[in-house]
Amino acid sequence: MSKLEMANWKTGTFFGFYTYMILLFINYIFLHINGKEPMPSILIFWAGLIVAFGYEFILNRRAKNKAKK
């Protein structure tokens, strides 16, 4: 991995982690207000992973397109 790809991965994991934490917080608040979870925990987990890998992919794709120009 190049330094740029490593930086993109760190950025992707940052956004993935905070997406996971925000969704988990929303789920927790709804659980205490309504007494039921609006989304299963596995969905929250996968959403965080998809955001992390997806954002890293987008950043890497942008970097490759800029390098070609």
PDB file of N, CA and C in Angstrom:
ATOM      1  N   MET A   1       0.834  -1.188   0.000  1.00  0.00           N
ATOM      2  CA  MET A   1       0.000   0.000   0.000  1.00  0.00           C
ATOM      3  C   MET A   1       0.874   1.244   0.000  1.00  0.00           C
ATOM      4  N   SER A   2       0.474   2.200  -0.803  1.00  0.00           N
ATOM      5  CA  SER A   2       1.207   3.465  -0.820  1.00  0.00           C
ATOM      6  C   SER A   2       0.782   4.329   0.366  1.00  0.00           C
ATOM      7  N   LYS A   3       1.506   5.416   0.555  1.00  0.00           N
ATOM      8  CA  LYS A   3       1.179   6.309   1.663  1.00  0.00           C
ATOM      9  C   LYS A   3      -0.203   6.934   1.474  1.00  0.00           C
ATOM     10  N   LEU A   4      -0.542   7.236   0.231  1.00  0.00           N
ATOM     11  CA  LEU A   4      -1.848   7.815  -0.054  1.00  0.00           C
ATOM     12  C   LEU A   4      -2.965   6.814   0.242  1.00  0.00           C
ATOM     13  N   GLU A   5      -2.763   5.564  -0.125  1.00  0.00           N
ATOM     14  CA  GLU A   5      -3.760   4.533   0.175  1.00  0.00           C
ATOM     15  C   GLU A   5      -3.911   4.314   1.673  1.00  0.00           C
ATOM     16  N   MET A   6      -2.802   4.381   2.403  1.00  0.00           N
ATOM     17  CA  MET A   6      -2.862   4.262   3.866  1.00  0.00           C
ATOM     18  C   MET A   6      -3.640   5.426   4.477  1.00  0.00           C
ATOM     19  N   ALA A   7      -3.404   6.629   3.973  1.00  0.00           N
ATOM     20  CA  ALA A   7      -4.136   7.798   4.470  1.00  0.00           C
ATOM     21  C   ALA A   7      -5.623   7.662   4.152  1.00  0.00           C
ATOM     22  N   ASN A   8      -5.932   7.160   2.958  1.00  0.00           N
ATOM     23  CA  ASN A   8      -7.334   6.956   2.587  1.00  0.00           C
ATOM     24  C   ASN A   8      -7.989   5.898   3.467  1.00  0.00           C
ATOM     25  N   TRP A   9      -7.239   4.854   3.814  1.00  0.00           N
ATOM     26  CA  TRP A   9      -7.787   3.822   4.687  1.00  0.00           C
ATOM     27  C   TRP A   9      -8.075   4.385   6.073  1.00  0.00           C
ATOM     28  N   LYS A  10      -7.160   5.193   6.587  1.00  0.00           N
ATOM     29  CA  LYS A  10      -7.368   5.801   7.906  1.00  0.00           C
ATOM     30  C   LYS A  10      -8.589   6.720   7.892  1.00  0.00           C
ATOM     31  N   THR A  11      -8.761   7.464   6.821  1.00  0.00           N
ATOM     32  CA  THR A  11      -9.935   8.328   6.698  1.00  0.00           C
ATOM     33  C   THR A  11     -11.209   7.493   6.611  1.00  0.00           C
ATOM     34  N   GLY A  12     -11.166   6.420   5.832  1.00  0.00           N
ATOM     35  CA  GLY A  12     -12.327   5.539   5.712  1.00  0.00           C
ATOM     36  C   GLY A  12     -12.705   4.889   7.023  1.00  0.00           C
ATOM     37  N   THR A  13     -11.711   4.452   7.784  1.00  0.00           N
ATOM     38  CA  THR A  13     -12.018   3.831   9.075  1.00  0.00           C
ATOM     39  C   THR A  13     -12.556   4.857  10.056  1.00  0.00           C
ATOM     40  N   PHE A  14     -12.075   6.081   9.971  1.00  0.00           N
ATOM     41  CA  PHE A  14     -12.595   7.157  10.813  1.00  0.00           C
ATOM     42  C   PHE A  14     -14.094   7.341  10.567  1.00  0.00           C
ATOM     43  N   PHE A  15     -14.477   7.481   9.288  1.00  0.00           N
ATOM     44  CA  PHE A  15     -15.883   7.675   8.968  1.00  0.00           C
ATOM     45  C   PHE A  15     -16.713   6.424   9.255  1.00  0.00           C
ATOM     46  N   GLY A  16     -16.152   5.254   9.009  1.00  0.00           N
ATOM     47  CA  GLY A  16     -16.864   4.014   9.305  1.00  0.00           C
ATOM     48  C   GLY A  16     -17.116   3.836  10.790  1.00  0.00           C
ATOM     49  N   PHE A  17     -16.111   4.133  11.601  1.00  0.00           N
ATOM     50  CA  PHE A  17     -16.254   4.004  13.047  1.00  0.00           C
ATOM     51  C   PHE A  17     -17.298   4.965  13.583  1.00  0.00           C
ATOM     52  N   TYR A  18     -17.237   6.216  13.142  1.00  0.00           N
ATOM     53  CA  TYR A  18     -18.203   7.189  13.646  1.00  0.00           C
ATOM     54  C   TYR A  18     -19.608   6.937  13.113  1.00  0.00           C
ATOM     55  N   THR A  19     -19.732   6.387  11.923  1.00  0.00           N
ATOM     56  CA  THR A  19     -21.047   5.968  11.439  1.00  0.00           C
ATOM     57  C   THR A  19     -21.601   4.875  12.335  1.00  0.00           C
ATOM     58  N   TYR A  20     -20.762   3.905  12.652  1.00  0.00           N
ATOM     59  CA  TYR A  20     -21.155   2.820  13.551  1.00  0.00           C
ATOM     60  C   TYR A  20     -21.592   3.363  14.909  1.00  0.00           C
ATOM     61  N   MET A  21     -20.798   4.274  15.469  1.00  0.00           N
ATOM     62  CA  MET A  21     -21.108   4.807  16.796  1.00  0.00           C
ATOM     63  C   MET A  21     -22.377   5.652  16.800  1.00  0.00           C
ATOM     64  N   ILE A  22     -22.589   6.444  15.779  1.00  0.00           N
ATOM     65  CA  ILE A  22     -23.805   7.268  15.704  1.00  0.00           C
ATOM     66  C   ILE A  22     -25.034   6.393  15.559  1.00  0.00           C
ATOM     67  N   LEU A  23     -24.968   5.389  14.686  1.00  0.00           N
ATOM     68  CA  LEU A  23     -26.107   4.482  14.526  1.00  0.00           C
ATOM     69  C   LEU A  23     -26.369   3.693  15.807  1.00  0.00           C
ATOM     70  N   LEU A  24     -25.319   3.293  16.487  1.00  0.00           N
ATOM     71  CA  LEU A  24     -25.475   2.578  17.745  1.00  0.00           C
ATOM     72  C   LEU A  24     -26.120   3.474  18.803  1.00  0.00           C
ATOM     73  N   PHE A  25     -25.721   4.729  18.845  1.00  0.00           N
ATOM     74  CA  PHE A  25     -26.312   5.691  19.776  1.00  0.00           C
ATOM     75  C   PHE A  25     -27.792   5.909  19.474  1.00  0.00           C
ATOM     76  N   ILE A  26     -28.133   6.078  18.189  1.00  0.00           N
ATOM     77  CA  ILE A  26     -29.538   6.246  17.805  1.00  0.00           C
ATOM     78  C   ILE A  26     -30.345   5.020  18.185  1.00  0.00           C
ATOM     79  N   ASN A  27     -29.789   3.857  17.935  1.00  0.00           N
ATOM     80  CA  ASN A  27     -30.461   2.607  18.282  1.00  0.00           C
ATOM     81  C   ASN A  27     -30.688   2.513  19.793  1.00  0.00           C
ATOM     82  N   TYR A  28     -29.698   2.910  20.565  1.00  0.00           N
ATOM     83  CA  TYR A  28     -29.773   2.868  22.023  1.00  0.00           C
ATOM     84  C   TYR A  28     -30.845   3.833  22.542  1.00  0.00           C
ATOM     85  N   ILE A  29     -30.881   5.036  21.988  1.00  0.00           N
ATOM     86  CA  ILE A  29     -31.881   6.023  22.401  1.00  0.00           C
ATOM     87  C   ILE A  29     -33.282   5.528  22.073  1.00  0.00           C
ATOM     88  N   PHE A  30     -33.488   5.005  20.869  1.00  0.00           N
ATOM     89  CA  PHE A  30     -34.798   4.480  20.495  1.00  0.00           C
ATOM     90  C   PHE A  30     -35.201   3.299  21.361  1.00  0.00           C
ATOM     91  N   LEU A  31     -34.250   2.494  21.759  1.00  0.00           N
ATOM     92  CA  LEU A  31     -34.539   1.360  22.634  1.00  0.00           C
ATOM     93  C   LEU A  31     -35.093   1.843  23.968  1.00  0.00           C
ATOM     94  N   HIS A  32     -34.514   2.893  24.504  1.00  0.00           N
ATOM     95  CA  HIS A  32     -34.973   3.396  25.794  1.00  0.00           C
ATOM     96  C   HIS A  32     -36.260   4.206  25.699  1.00  0.00           C
ATOM     97  N   ILE A  33     -36.497   4.846  24.572  1.00  0.00           N
ATOM     98  CA  ILE A  33     -37.724   5.624  24.403  1.00  0.00           C
ATOM     99  C   ILE A  33     -38.901   4.721  24.050  1.00  0.00           C
ATOM    100  N   ASN A  34     -38.715   3.859  23.053  1.00  0.00           N
ATOM    101  CA  ASN A  34     -39.815   3.040  22.535  1.00  0.00           C
ATOM    102  C   ASN A  34     -39.850   1.628  23.082  1.00  0.00           C
ATOM    103  N   GLY A  35     -38.757   1.167  23.653  1.00  0.00           N
ATOM    104  CA  GLY A  35     -38.718  -0.188  24.175  1.00  0.00           C
ATOM    105  C   GLY A  35     -38.388  -1.243  23.131  1.00  0.00           C
ATOM    106  N   LYS A  36     -38.042  -0.816  21.907  1.00  0.00           N
ATOM    107  CA  LYS A  36     -37.632  -1.769  20.870  1.00  0.00           C
ATOM    108  C   LYS A  36     -36.578  -1.107  19.986  1.00  0.00           C
ATOM    109  N   GLU A  37     -35.741  -1.941  19.399  1.00  0.00           N
ATOM    110  CA  GLU A  37     -34.673  -1.445  18.537  1.00  0.00           C
ATOM    111  C   GLU A  37     -35.222  -1.179  17.133  1.00  0.00           C
ATOM    112  N   PRO A  38     -34.904  -0.031  16.527  1.00  0.00           N
ATOM    113  CA  PRO A  38     -35.372   0.236  15.169  1.00  0.00           C
ATOM    114  C   PRO A  38     -34.605  -0.555  14.106  1.00  0.00           C
ATOM    115  N   MET A  39     -33.365  -0.942  14.411  1.00  0.00           N
ATOM    116  CA  MET A  39     -32.576  -1.730  13.463  1.00  0.00           C
ATOM    117  C   MET A  39     -31.728  -2.736  14.237  1.00  0.00           C
ATOM    118  N   PRO A  40     -31.542  -3.915  13.670  1.00  0.00           N
ATOM    119  CA  PRO A  40     -30.733  -4.918  14.370  1.00  0.00           C
ATOM    120  C   PRO A  40     -29.260  -4.500  14.462  1.00  0.00           C
ATOM    121  N   SER A  41     -28.593  -4.992  15.473  1.00  0.00           N
ATOM    122  CA  SER A  41     -27.183  -4.647  15.703  1.00  0.00           C
ATOM    123  C   SER A  41     -26.288  -5.081  14.551  1.00  0.00           C
ATOM    124  N   ILE A  42     -26.608  -6.201  13.917  1.00  0.00           N
ATOM    125  CA  ILE A  42     -25.787  -6.668  12.797  1.00  0.00           C
ATOM    126  C   ILE A  42     -25.860  -5.697  11.626  1.00  0.00           C
ATOM    127  N   LEU A  43     -27.002  -5.052  11.441  1.00  0.00           N
ATOM    128  CA  LEU A  43     -27.146  -4.048  10.389  1.00  0.00           C
ATOM    129  C   LEU A  43     -26.270  -2.834  10.683  1.00  0.00           C
ATOM    130  N   ILE A  44     -26.203  -2.446  11.921  1.00  0.00           N
ATOM    131  CA  ILE A  44     -25.358  -1.319  12.327  1.00  0.00           C
ATOM    132  C   ILE A  44     -23.887  -1.654  12.088  1.00  0.00           C
ATOM    133  N   PHE A  45     -23.493  -2.866  12.449  1.00  0.00           N
ATOM    134  CA  PHE A  45     -22.120  -3.318  12.244  1.00  0.00           C
ATOM    135  C   PHE A  45     -21.747  -3.287  10.766  1.00  0.00           C
ATOM    136  N   TRP A  46     -22.603  -3.853   9.922  1.00  0.00           N
ATOM    137  CA  TRP A  46     -22.324  -3.900   8.492  1.00  0.00           C
ATOM    138  C   TRP A  46     -22.349  -2.519   7.860  1.00  0.00           C
ATOM    139  N   ALA A  47     -23.199  -1.633   8.359  1.00  0.00           N
ATOM    140  CA  ALA A  47     -23.228  -0.265   7.844  1.00  0.00           C
ATOM    141  C   ALA A  47     -21.883   0.423   8.094  1.00  0.00           C
ATOM    142  N   GLY A  48     -21.327   0.227   9.278  1.00  0.00           N
ATOM    143  CA  GLY A  48     -20.016   0.800   9.578  1.00  0.00           C
ATOM    144  C   GLY A  48     -18.922   0.254   8.672  1.00  0.00           C
ATOM    145  N   LEU A  49     -18.951  -1.054   8.435  1.00  0.00           N
ATOM    146  CA  LEU A  49     -17.946  -1.648   7.545  1.00  0.00           C
ATOM    147  C   LEU A  49     -18.098  -1.175   6.112  1.00  0.00           C
ATOM    148  N   ILE A  50     -19.321  -1.099   5.642  1.00  0.00           N
ATOM    149  CA  ILE A  50     -19.570  -0.662   4.264  1.00  0.00           C
ATOM    150  C   ILE A  50     -19.126   0.782   4.074  1.00  0.00           C
ATOM    151  N   VAL A  51     -19.402   1.627   5.058  1.00  0.00           N
ATOM    152  CA  VAL A  51     -18.958   3.021   4.967  1.00  0.00           C
ATOM    153  C   VAL A  51     -17.439   3.093   4.949  1.00  0.00           C
ATOM    154  N   ALA A  52     -16.775   2.333   5.798  1.00  0.00           N
ATOM    155  CA  ALA A  52     -15.309   2.370   5.855  1.00  0.00           C
ATOM    156  C   ALA A  52     -14.689   1.932   4.527  1.00  0.00           C
ATOM    157  N   PHE A  53     -15.089   0.782   4.026  1.00  0.00           N
ATOM    158  CA  PHE A  53     -14.517   0.281   2.778  1.00  0.00           C
ATOM    159  C   PHE A  53     -14.981   1.105   1.576  1.00  0.00           C
ATOM    160  N   GLY A  54     -16.230   1.537   1.598  1.00  0.00           N
ATOM    161  CA  GLY A  54     -16.758   2.319   0.485  1.00  0.00           C
ATOM    162  C   GLY A  54     -16.082   3.670   0.359  1.00  0.00           C
ATOM    163  N   TYR A  55     -15.905   4.363   1.480  1.00  0.00           N
ATOM    164  CA  TYR A  55     -15.273   5.670   1.429  1.00  0.00           C
ATOM    165  C   TYR A  55     -13.801   5.551   1.031  1.00  0.00           C
ATOM    166  N   GLU A  56     -13.140   4.512   1.508  1.00  0.00           N
ATOM    167  CA  GLU A  56     -11.748   4.292   1.098  1.00  0.00           C
ATOM    168  C   GLU A  56     -11.681   4.038  -0.404  1.00  0.00           C
ATOM    169  N   PHE A  57     -12.600   3.252  -0.927  1.00  0.00           N
ATOM    170  CA  PHE A  57     -12.637   2.959  -2.360  1.00  0.00           C
ATOM    171  C   PHE A  57     -12.845   4.237  -3.170  1.00  0.00           C
ATOM    172  N   ILE A  58     -13.768   5.077  -2.715  1.00  0.00           N
ATOM    173  CA  ILE A  58     -14.039   6.328  -3.422  1.00  0.00           C
ATOM    174  C   ILE A  58     -12.809   7.231  -3.417  1.00  0.00           C
ATOM    175  N   LEU A  59     -12.153   7.351  -2.273  1.00  0.00           N
ATOM    176  CA  LEU A  59     -10.957   8.192  -2.194  1.00  0.00           C
ATOM    177  C   LEU A  59      -9.832   7.659  -3.072  1.00  0.00           C
ATOM    178  N   ASN A  60      -9.640   6.344  -3.087  1.00  0.00           N
ATOM    179  CA  ASN A  60      -8.599   5.758  -3.936  1.00  0.00           C
ATOM    180  C   ASN A  60      -8.921   5.954  -5.415  1.00  0.00           C
ATOM    181  N   ARG A  61     -10.202   5.823  -5.772  1.00  0.00           N
ATOM    182  CA  ARG A  61     -10.615   6.012  -7.162  1.00  0.00           C
ATOM    183  C   ARG A  61     -10.382   7.462  -7.596  1.00  0.00           C
ATOM    184  N   ARG A  62     -10.705   8.400  -6.712  1.00  0.00           N
ATOM    185  CA  ARG A  62     -10.473   9.818  -7.029  1.00  0.00           C
ATOM    186  C   ARG A  62      -8.986  10.090  -7.230  1.00  0.00           C
ATOM    187  N   ALA A  63      -8.154   9.508  -6.383  1.00  0.00           N
ATOM    188  CA  ALA A  63      -6.709   9.730  -6.492  1.00  0.00           C
ATOM    189  C   ALA A  63      -6.166   9.170  -7.808  1.00  0.00           C
ATOM    190  N   LYS A  64      -6.674   8.018  -8.213  1.00  0.00           N
ATOM    191  CA  LYS A  64      -6.224   7.434  -9.484  1.00  0.00           C
ATOM    192  C   LYS A  64      -6.683   8.273 -10.662  1.00  0.00           C
ATOM    193  N   ASN A  65      -7.891   8.811 -10.599  1.00  0.00           N
ATOM    194  CA  ASN A  65      -8.385   9.651 -11.694  1.00  0.00           C
ATOM    195  C   ASN A  65      -7.602  10.952 -11.778  1.00  0.00           C
ATOM    196  N   LYS A  66      -7.217  11.524 -10.642  1.00  0.00           N
ATOM    197  CA  LYS A  66      -6.410  12.748 -10.663  1.00  0.00           C
ATOM    198  C   LYS A  66      -5.020  12.471 -11.206  1.00  0.00           C
ATOM    199  N   ALA A  67      -4.485  11.282 -10.903  1.00  0.00           N
ATOM    200  CA  ALA A  67      -3.148  10.934 -11.370  1.00  0.00           C
ATOM    201  C   ALA A  67      -3.127  10.755 -12.880  1.00  0.00           C
ATOM    202  N   LYS A  68      -4.227  10.297 -13.470  1.00  0.00           N
ATOM    203  CA  LYS A  68      -4.307  10.086 -14.914  1.00  0.00           C
ATOM    204  C   LYS A  68      -4.384  11.398 -15.682  1.00  0.00           C
ATOM    205  N   LYS A  69      -4.924  12.443 -15.055  1.00  0.00           N
ATOM    206  CA  LYS A  69      -5.106  13.720 -15.766  1.00  0.00           C
ATOM    207  C   LYS A  69      -3.854  14.511 -15.878  1.00  0.00           C
TER     208      LYS A  69
END
